[in-house]
Amino acid sequence: MYIYTCTKCGYVLRTTGTDTIPHDDTVYDATCNGSVQTWKYDCTNCGSYLYTTYKDCPGMPHTGSCRWLPV
């Protein structure tokens, strides 16, 4: 179990780490280096940074912009 607590508002997110994207946080930024995507999530309660995940890009390997990013 992973527990993330927002340092600004105290919002607590609990996840097993194997969950799909939890419904109570939001991806606000995502980048890709051609093989690994970096997804940054924020707190839906106050909008501050919450945590980052790394995912294999489904289109790897590639160059240039990534069409598989969520945002």
C-alpha atoms as a PDB file:
ATOM      1  CA  MET A   1       0.000   0.000   0.000  1.00  0.00           C
ATOM      2  CA  TYR A   2       1.255   3.465  -0.901  1.00  0.00           C
ATOM      3  CA  ILE A   3      -0.007   6.534   0.918  1.00  0.00           C
ATOM      4  CA  TYR A   4       0.467   9.996  -0.572  1.00  0.00           C
ATOM      5  CA  THR A   5      -0.368  13.054   1.512  1.00  0.00           C
ATOM      6  CA  CYS A   6      -0.660  16.509   0.023  1.00  0.00           C
ATOM      7  CA  THR A   7       1.648  18.818   1.955  1.00  0.00           C
ATOM      8  CA  LYS A   8      -0.552  21.832   1.195  1.00  0.00           C
ATOM      9  CA  CYS A   9      -4.057  20.660   2.119  1.00  0.00           C
ATOM     10  CA  GLY A  10      -3.543  17.314   3.889  1.00  0.00           C
ATOM     11  CA  TYR A  11      -5.494  15.295   1.291  1.00  0.00           C
ATOM     12  CA  VAL A  12      -4.571  11.594   1.579  1.00  0.00           C
ATOM     13  CA  LEU A  13      -4.481   9.178  -1.379  1.00  0.00           C
ATOM     14  CA  ARG A  14      -4.138   5.449  -0.691  1.00  0.00           C
ATOM     15  CA  THR A  15      -3.219   3.080  -3.526  1.00  0.00           C
ATOM     16  CA  THR A  16      -1.719  -0.393  -3.865  1.00  0.00           C
ATOM     17  CA  GLY A  17       0.715   0.856  -6.494  1.00  0.00           C
ATOM     18  CA  THR A  18      -0.746  -1.660  -8.955  1.00  0.00           C
ATOM     19  CA  ASP A  19      -3.990   0.252  -9.424  1.00  0.00           C
ATOM     20  CA  THR A  20      -4.816   1.938 -12.673  1.00  0.00           C
ATOM     21  CA  ILE A  21      -4.900   5.719 -12.461  1.00  0.00           C
ATOM     22  CA  PRO A  22      -6.889   6.487  -9.306  1.00  0.00           C
ATOM     23  CA  HIS A  23     -10.068   8.454  -9.952  1.00  0.00           C
ATOM     24  CA  ASP A  24      -9.359  11.034  -7.241  1.00  0.00           C
ATOM     25  CA  ASP A  25      -6.167  12.516  -8.633  1.00  0.00           C
ATOM     26  CA  THR A  26      -5.306  13.997 -12.023  1.00  0.00           C
ATOM     27  CA  VAL A  27      -2.435  13.731 -14.504  1.00  0.00           C
ATOM     28  CA  TYR A  28      -1.415  17.353 -15.076  1.00  0.00           C
ATOM     29  CA  ASP A  29       1.794  16.792 -17.052  1.00  0.00           C
ATOM     30  CA  ALA A  30       3.276  13.905 -19.028  1.00  0.00           C
ATOM     31  CA  THR A  31       6.490  13.544 -21.008  1.00  0.00           C
ATOM     32  CA  CYS A  32       8.117  10.733 -22.966  1.00  0.00           C
ATOM     33  CA  ASN A  33      11.751  10.047 -23.860  1.00  0.00           C
ATOM     34  CA  GLY A  34      10.823   7.578 -26.612  1.00  0.00           C
ATOM     35  CA  SER A  35      10.643   4.554 -24.351  1.00  0.00           C
ATOM     36  CA  VAL A  36       9.460   5.637 -20.875  1.00  0.00           C
ATOM     37  CA  GLN A  37       6.632   8.024 -20.058  1.00  0.00           C
ATOM     38  CA  THR A  38       6.707  10.217 -16.937  1.00  0.00           C
ATOM     39  CA  TRP A  39       3.252  11.068 -15.575  1.00  0.00           C
ATOM     40  CA  LYS A  40       2.903  13.787 -12.913  1.00  0.00           C
ATOM     41  CA  TYR A  41      -0.246  13.855 -10.806  1.00  0.00           C
ATOM     42  CA  ASP A  42      -1.728  16.645  -8.752  1.00  0.00           C
ATOM     43  CA  CYS A  43      -4.161  16.848  -5.864  1.00  0.00           C
ATOM     44  CA  THR A  44      -7.753  17.308  -7.050  1.00  0.00           C
ATOM     45  CA  ASN A  45      -8.510  18.962  -3.732  1.00  0.00           C
ATOM     46  CA  CYS A  46      -6.098  21.923  -4.028  1.00  0.00           C
ATOM     47  CA  GLY A  47      -4.130  21.411  -7.292  1.00  0.00           C
ATOM     48  CA  SER A  48      -0.665  20.993  -5.777  1.00  0.00           C
ATOM     49  CA  TYR A  49       1.862  18.343  -6.878  1.00  0.00           C
ATOM     50  CA  LEU A  50       1.145  14.868  -5.437  1.00  0.00           C
ATOM     51  CA  TYR A  51       3.396  12.219  -7.065  1.00  0.00           C
ATOM     52  CA  THR A  52       5.039  10.893 -10.268  1.00  0.00           C
ATOM     53  CA  THR A  53       4.784   7.506 -12.018  1.00  0.00           C
ATOM     54  CA  TYR A  54       6.840   5.987 -14.828  1.00  0.00           C
ATOM     55  CA  LYS A  55       5.287   3.788 -17.533  1.00  0.00           C
ATOM     56  CA  ASP A  56       6.645   1.982 -20.575  1.00  0.00           C
ATOM     57  CA  CYS A  57       5.518   3.837 -23.693  1.00  0.00           C
ATOM     58  CA  PRO A  58       3.216   1.627 -25.803  1.00  0.00           C
ATOM     59  CA  GLY A  59       4.802   3.103 -28.959  1.00  0.00           C
ATOM     60  CA  MET A  60       8.436   2.546 -27.990  1.00  0.00           C
ATOM     61  CA  PRO A  61      10.898   3.017 -29.419  1.00  0.00           C
ATOM     62  CA  HIS A  62      10.153   6.286 -31.175  1.00  0.00           C
ATOM     63  CA  THR A  63      11.560   9.785 -31.696  1.00  0.00           C
ATOM     64  CA  GLY A  64       9.878  13.149 -31.661  1.00  0.00           C
ATOM     65  CA  SER A  65       6.567  13.865 -29.995  1.00  0.00           C
ATOM     66  CA  CYS A  66       4.681  11.014 -28.336  1.00  0.00           C
ATOM     67  CA  ARG A  67       1.077  10.453 -29.409  1.00  0.00           C
ATOM     68  CA  TRP A  68       0.473   8.004 -26.547  1.00  0.00           C
ATOM     69  CA  LEU A  69       0.666  10.559 -23.727  1.00  0.00           C
ATOM     70  CA  PRO A  70      -2.487  11.079 -21.644  1.00  0.00           C
ATOM     71  CA  VAL A  71      -2.272  14.909 -21.755  1.00  0.00           C
END
